[in-house]
Amino acid sequence: MLTMRPPRLLIAIVIVGLAACSAGCTVEMGVTQELVVDEPLGAAAVTEVEIDMGMGNLTIAPGAVGLASGTILYNVESWEPTVTRTDKKLVIKQGSQKGVSGLGSEIVNKWDMELGRAPMRLKISAGAYEGSFDLSGLTLQDLSIRDGASRTQVRFSSPNPGQMTDFTYKTGASTVSLIGLANANFKSMTFDGGAGSYSLDFSGQLRADAGVRVKAAAGSVRIAVPKETAAQVTIDGTLNDIDVEGAWTIINRTYSTPAVGTQNRGKKLTVKVEIDVGSITLVTN
């Protein structure tokens, strides 16, 4: 498991953002209410699942008997979530956030969700929040995550039984940790960050060629690849602050793991990184 140490400035930004509500909230809070989600499987071969939350705490894990289940606790009436379902699509969306500039300790907005193992295209959207996503073993054909200032961990502890076509993650001044990415079984991945601290761990079972593009405006990026995985990382941009841990072969600005050239065809990880300001650390062990 990778441990990140985010910049002190980033921590301050996130804390200020989360606490801003104490000075800027105009919403009315009441008794904490609970919405129970229990969505059965439909007849569609693949279901689109969208989870759209603003600010708060969001947890996603496997375990639903049907398509999706869980509970949502909230004490702002205007934030009451809506659940919209058709045979091919499920949307769980938070209500209006008008008049709120941040999340104070007095506001409750906690989402605990479980997803089933039926094939799905999953889309997660959130603002300033804390997220913990365990997507281990879920049958994901596409995955999209988009958030603002967040502290988020996404984990793939066991392989995706299906083939994921695209995995996209777009974030801002956040602390993001992605663990077990090889188990996600994607063909293409795009990570687009701002001024944050980002850790991409490609441990797991790489079952096919995979291409990754990482773009960060600033901050720090850490990329870890097992030495048994055939991987090449190319760094573009004017960045000179590059740290290397482990046995990498370096030709110009392309870094290769020891397994390059020795693995079976069709199991190669190709990563392109675009970053001009900040730092990048490459790890293989």
Protein backbone atom coordinates (compact mmCIF):
# COMPACT_ATOMS: atom_id res chain seq x y z
CA MET A 1 0.00 0.00 0.00
CA LEU A 2 1.27 3.46 -0.86
CA THR A 3 1.26 6.21 1.73
CA MET A 4 1.09 9.79 0.52
CA ARG A 5 2.17 12.84 2.42
CA PRO A 6 0.24 15.77 0.87
CA PRO A 7 1.77 19.24 0.83
CA ARG A 8 0.90 21.36 3.89
CA LEU A 9 -0.54 24.06 1.63
CA LEU A 10 -2.90 21.52 0.04
CA ILE A 11 -4.11 20.34 3.43
CA ALA A 12 -4.78 23.94 4.44
CA ILE A 13 -6.73 24.59 1.25
CA VAL A 14 -8.94 21.54 1.75
CA ILE A 15 -9.55 22.28 5.44
CA VAL A 16 -10.49 25.87 4.70
CA GLY A 17 -12.83 24.72 1.94
CA LEU A 18 -14.55 22.17 4.17
CA ALA A 19 -14.91 24.60 7.04
CA ALA A 20 -16.11 27.55 5.00
CA CYS A 21 -19.74 26.71 5.62
CA SER A 22 -19.52 27.93 9.19
CA ALA A 23 -19.16 31.45 7.79
CA GLY A 24 -21.06 31.17 4.51
CA CYS A 25 -24.00 28.78 4.94
CA THR A 26 -27.49 30.09 4.26
CA VAL A 27 -29.23 26.70 4.24
CA GLU A 28 -31.60 25.55 6.94
CA MET A 29 -30.69 22.40 8.79
CA GLY A 30 -33.12 20.10 10.48
CA VAL A 31 -33.41 16.60 11.88
CA THR A 32 -31.12 14.07 10.20
CA GLN A 33 -33.10 11.98 7.73
CA GLU A 34 -32.29 8.66 6.08
CA LEU A 35 -32.90 7.58 2.51
CA VAL A 36 -32.67 3.84 1.90
CA VAL A 37 -31.57 2.74 -1.56
CA ASP A 38 -32.43 -0.79 -2.71
CA GLU A 39 -32.38 -1.18 -6.46
CA PRO A 40 -32.85 -4.66 -7.95
CA LEU A 41 -31.25 -5.91 -11.13
CA GLY A 42 -32.91 -4.98 -14.39
CA ALA A 43 -33.11 -6.78 -17.70
CA ALA A 44 -30.39 -4.73 -19.38
CA ALA A 45 -27.14 -6.50 -20.19
CA VAL A 46 -25.19 -3.43 -19.00
CA THR A 47 -26.57 -0.72 -16.71
CA GLU A 48 -25.39 2.86 -16.47
CA VAL A 49 -25.01 3.86 -12.80
CA GLU A 50 -24.49 7.52 -11.88
CA ILE A 51 -23.76 8.72 -8.35
CA ASP A 52 -23.79 12.52 -8.06
CA MET A 53 -23.00 13.99 -4.64
CA GLY A 54 -21.88 17.50 -3.74
CA MET A 55 -20.12 17.83 -0.40
CA GLY A 56 -19.82 15.30 2.39
CA ASN A 57 -18.65 11.71 2.79
CA LEU A 58 -19.09 9.09 0.10
CA THR A 59 -18.29 5.39 0.54
CA ILE A 60 -18.74 2.82 -2.21
CA ALA A 61 -18.08 -0.90 -1.80
CA PRO A 62 -19.14 -4.22 -3.35
CA GLY A 63 -21.83 -6.24 -1.66
CA ALA A 64 -25.26 -5.34 -3.06
CA VAL A 65 -27.50 -8.30 -3.81
CA GLY A 66 -29.13 -6.42 -6.66
CA LEU A 67 -27.80 -3.45 -8.63
CA ALA A 68 -27.24 -0.99 -5.77
CA SER A 69 -28.15 -0.57 -2.12
CA GLY A 70 -27.21 1.62 0.81
CA THR A 71 -28.22 4.51 3.02
CA ILE A 72 -27.90 8.28 2.71
CA LEU A 73 -28.02 10.46 5.84
CA TYR A 74 -28.66 14.19 5.43
CA ASN A 75 -30.01 17.09 7.50
CA VAL A 76 -30.44 19.78 4.84
CA GLU A 77 -33.90 19.43 3.33
CA SER A 78 -32.91 20.91 -0.02
CA TRP A 79 -30.18 18.27 -0.31
CA GLU A 80 -32.70 15.42 -0.34
CA PRO A 81 -31.35 12.92 -2.91
CA THR A 82 -33.42 11.65 -5.78
CA VAL A 83 -33.29 8.16 -7.22
CA THR A 84 -34.21 7.85 -10.89
CA ARG A 85 -34.40 4.41 -12.47
CA THR A 86 -35.02 3.03 -15.92
CA ASP A 87 -34.20 -0.44 -17.13
CA LYS A 88 -30.85 0.71 -18.52
CA LYS A 89 -29.89 3.51 -16.10
CA LEU A 90 -29.79 4.36 -12.38
CA VAL A 91 -29.12 7.91 -11.18
CA ILE A 92 -28.70 8.82 -7.50
CA LYS A 93 -28.33 12.58 -7.22
CA GLN A 94 -28.06 15.08 -4.39
CA GLY A 95 -30.50 17.97 -4.28
CA SER A 96 -29.63 21.65 -4.76
CA GLN A 97 -26.55 23.07 -2.99
CA LYS A 98 -27.50 26.70 -3.55
CA GLY A 99 -26.29 29.01 -0.80
CA VAL A 100 -23.53 26.72 0.52
CA SER A 101 -19.86 27.59 0.11
CA GLY A 102 -18.48 24.63 2.07
CA LEU A 103 -19.30 21.85 4.50
CA GLY A 104 -19.26 22.56 8.24
CA SER A 105 -19.37 20.02 11.02
CA GLU A 106 -23.01 20.84 11.72
CA ILE A 107 -24.12 19.61 8.29
CA VAL A 108 -24.73 15.88 7.77
CA ASN A 109 -24.36 14.40 4.30
CA LYS A 110 -23.09 10.83 4.44
CA TRP A 111 -23.56 8.33 1.64
CA ASP A 112 -22.80 4.63 2.22
CA MET A 113 -23.40 2.73 -0.99
CA GLU A 114 -22.92 -0.86 -2.13
CA LEU A 115 -22.88 -2.03 -5.74
CA GLY A 116 -23.64 -5.45 -7.18
CA ARG A 117 -21.53 -7.47 -9.57
CA ALA A 118 -23.73 -7.06 -12.66
CA PRO A 119 -21.99 -5.39 -15.64
CA MET A 120 -22.20 -1.61 -15.38
CA ARG A 121 -20.80 1.69 -16.56
CA LEU A 122 -20.13 3.68 -13.40
CA LYS A 123 -19.97 7.48 -13.21
CA ILE A 124 -19.15 9.25 -9.93
CA SER A 125 -19.37 13.03 -9.57
CA ALA A 126 -18.66 14.98 -6.39
CA GLY A 127 -17.40 18.31 -5.08
CA ALA A 128 -15.42 18.96 -1.89
CA TYR A 129 -15.73 15.62 -0.11
CA GLU A 130 -14.00 12.62 1.40
CA GLY A 131 -14.34 9.45 -0.63
CA SER A 132 -13.49 5.79 -0.11
CA PHE A 133 -14.23 3.58 -3.11
CA ASP A 134 -13.58 -0.16 -2.97
CA LEU A 135 -14.36 -1.36 -6.49
CA SER A 136 -12.78 -4.79 -6.04
CA GLY A 137 -14.34 -7.48 -8.18
CA LEU A 138 -17.02 -5.26 -9.72
CA THR A 139 -17.78 -5.82 -13.40
CA LEU A 140 -17.02 -2.36 -14.73
CA GLN A 141 -17.09 -1.69 -18.46
CA ASP A 142 -16.39 2.03 -18.06
CA LEU A 143 -15.49 4.15 -15.04
CA SER A 144 -15.58 7.94 -14.73
CA ILE A 145 -14.75 9.89 -11.57
CA ARG A 146 -14.92 13.68 -11.44
CA ASP A 147 -14.47 15.71 -8.29
CA GLY A 148 -13.20 18.98 -6.86
CA ALA A 149 -11.14 19.46 -3.70
CA SER A 150 -11.20 15.99 -2.24
CA ARG A 151 -9.45 13.35 -0.19
CA THR A 152 -10.15 10.15 -2.04
CA GLN A 153 -8.94 6.56 -2.15
CA VAL A 154 -9.96 4.15 -4.92
CA ARG A 155 -9.03 0.49 -4.48
CA PHE A 156 -9.09 -2.56 -6.76
CA SER A 157 -8.06 -5.44 -4.48
CA SER A 158 -9.31 -8.14 -6.85
CA PRO A 159 -9.64 -8.23 -10.66
CA ASN A 160 -12.47 -6.77 -12.67
CA PRO A 161 -14.14 -9.85 -14.24
CA GLY A 162 -14.86 -7.86 -17.39
CA GLN A 163 -12.88 -5.59 -19.71
CA MET A 164 -13.03 -1.88 -18.94
CA THR A 165 -12.79 0.22 -22.07
CA ASP A 166 -12.07 3.60 -20.45
CA PHE A 167 -11.19 4.81 -16.97
CA THR A 168 -11.16 8.59 -16.58
CA TYR A 169 -10.43 10.58 -13.43
CA LYS A 170 -10.57 14.38 -13.38
CA THR A 171 -9.84 16.22 -10.14
CA GLY A 172 -8.59 19.50 -8.71
CA ALA A 173 -6.53 20.41 -5.65
CA SER A 174 -6.98 16.98 -4.12
CA THR A 175 -5.22 14.11 -2.41
CA VAL A 176 -5.97 11.02 -4.49
CA SER A 177 -4.72 7.46 -4.03
CA LEU A 178 -5.45 4.79 -6.66
CA ILE A 179 -4.46 1.29 -5.55
CA GLY A 180 -4.35 -1.99 -7.51
CA LEU A 181 -4.91 -0.34 -10.89
CA ALA A 182 -3.83 -3.38 -12.90
CA ASN A 183 -6.85 -5.20 -11.44
CA ALA A 184 -9.16 -2.58 -12.98
CA ASN A 185 -8.46 -4.29 -16.34
CA PHE A 186 -8.82 -1.13 -18.43
CA LYS A 187 -7.68 -0.62 -21.99
CA SER A 188 -7.24 3.13 -21.63
CA MET A 189 -6.91 5.39 -18.59
CA THR A 190 -6.74 9.17 -18.32
CA PHE A 191 -5.92 10.98 -15.09
CA ASP A 192 -6.21 14.78 -15.15
CA GLY A 193 -5.24 16.61 -11.97
CA GLY A 194 -4.61 20.13 -10.74
CA ALA A 195 -2.30 21.22 -7.92
CA GLY A 196 -2.58 18.17 -5.70
CA SER A 197 -0.93 15.02 -4.43
CA TYR A 198 -1.62 11.95 -6.55
CA SER A 199 -0.54 8.34 -6.13
CA LEU A 200 -1.11 5.74 -8.86
CA ASP A 201 -0.29 2.17 -7.85
CA PHE A 202 -0.41 -0.32 -10.74
CA SER A 203 -0.18 -3.47 -8.65
CA GLY A 204 -2.47 -6.37 -9.46
CA GLN A 205 -2.99 -8.64 -12.44
CA LEU A 206 -2.27 -6.99 -15.80
CA ARG A 207 -4.16 -9.16 -18.29
CA ALA A 208 -3.85 -7.08 -21.48
CA ASP A 209 -2.07 -4.08 -22.96
CA ALA A 210 -3.04 -0.87 -21.18
CA GLY A 211 -2.36 2.77 -22.01
CA VAL A 212 -2.33 5.56 -19.43
CA ARG A 213 -2.10 9.34 -19.77
CA VAL A 214 -1.41 11.38 -16.64
CA LYS A 215 -1.63 15.17 -16.71
CA ALA A 216 -1.09 17.40 -13.69
CA ALA A 217 -0.88 21.17 -13.56
CA ALA A 218 1.34 21.09 -10.48
CA GLY A 219 1.83 19.19 -7.24
CA SER A 220 3.29 15.73 -6.83
CA VAL A 221 2.69 12.50 -8.74
CA ARG A 222 3.82 9.08 -7.55
CA ILE A 223 3.67 6.10 -9.91
CA ALA A 224 4.40 2.60 -8.59
CA VAL A 225 4.72 -0.49 -10.79
CA PRO A 226 5.69 -4.03 -9.71
CA LYS A 227 9.02 -5.11 -11.18
CA GLU A 228 7.29 -8.15 -12.72
CA THR A 229 5.11 -5.86 -14.86
CA ALA A 230 6.43 -4.76 -18.24
CA ALA A 231 5.96 -1.00 -18.08
CA GLN A 232 7.34 2.08 -19.79
CA VAL A 233 6.81 5.58 -18.41
CA THR A 234 7.54 8.59 -20.62
CA ILE A 235 7.67 12.04 -19.04
CA ASP A 236 6.88 15.11 -21.13
CA GLY A 237 7.18 18.74 -20.15
CA THR A 238 9.89 20.85 -18.55
CA LEU A 239 9.84 19.10 -15.18
CA ASN A 240 13.27 18.21 -13.84
CA ASP A 241 12.32 17.07 -10.33
CA ILE A 242 12.15 13.32 -11.00
CA ASP A 243 12.96 10.76 -8.31
CA VAL A 244 13.49 7.08 -9.10
CA GLU A 245 13.23 4.18 -6.67
CA GLY A 246 14.13 0.68 -7.79
CA ALA A 247 15.66 -0.73 -10.97
CA TRP A 248 14.54 1.41 -13.91
CA THR A 249 16.26 1.53 -17.29
CA ILE A 250 16.39 5.14 -18.50
CA ILE A 251 16.65 6.17 -22.15
CA ASN A 252 16.15 9.92 -22.64
CA ARG A 253 12.96 10.54 -20.65
CA THR A 254 11.52 7.04 -20.95
CA TYR A 255 11.77 4.80 -17.87
CA SER A 256 11.35 1.02 -18.24
CA THR A 257 10.91 -1.70 -15.61
CA PRO A 258 13.19 -4.77 -15.68
CA ALA A 259 10.36 -6.87 -17.15
CA VAL A 260 10.21 -4.92 -20.43
CA GLY A 261 11.17 -7.29 -23.25
CA THR A 262 10.71 -10.44 -21.16
CA GLN A 263 6.94 -10.59 -20.71
CA ASN A 264 4.46 -12.23 -23.06
CA ARG A 265 3.08 -10.02 -25.78
CA GLY A 266 -0.15 -8.24 -24.89
CA LYS A 267 0.73 -7.49 -21.27
CA LYS A 268 2.48 -4.16 -21.39
CA LEU A 269 1.68 -0.98 -19.48
CA THR A 270 2.47 2.28 -21.28
CA VAL A 271 2.27 5.51 -19.27
CA LYS A 272 2.72 9.05 -20.55
CA VAL A 273 3.04 11.83 -17.97
CA GLU A 274 2.63 15.55 -18.70
CA ILE A 275 3.71 17.82 -15.85
CA ASP A 276 5.71 21.05 -15.78
CA VAL A 277 5.57 22.15 -12.15
CA GLY A 278 5.92 19.92 -9.10
CA SER A 279 7.55 16.53 -8.74
CA ILE A 280 7.21 12.95 -9.90
CA THR A 281 8.40 9.78 -8.21
CA LEU A 282 8.71 6.45 -10.06
CA VAL A 283 8.81 3.31 -7.94
CA THR A 284 9.34 -0.33 -8.89
CA ASN A 285 9.99 -3.16 -6.46
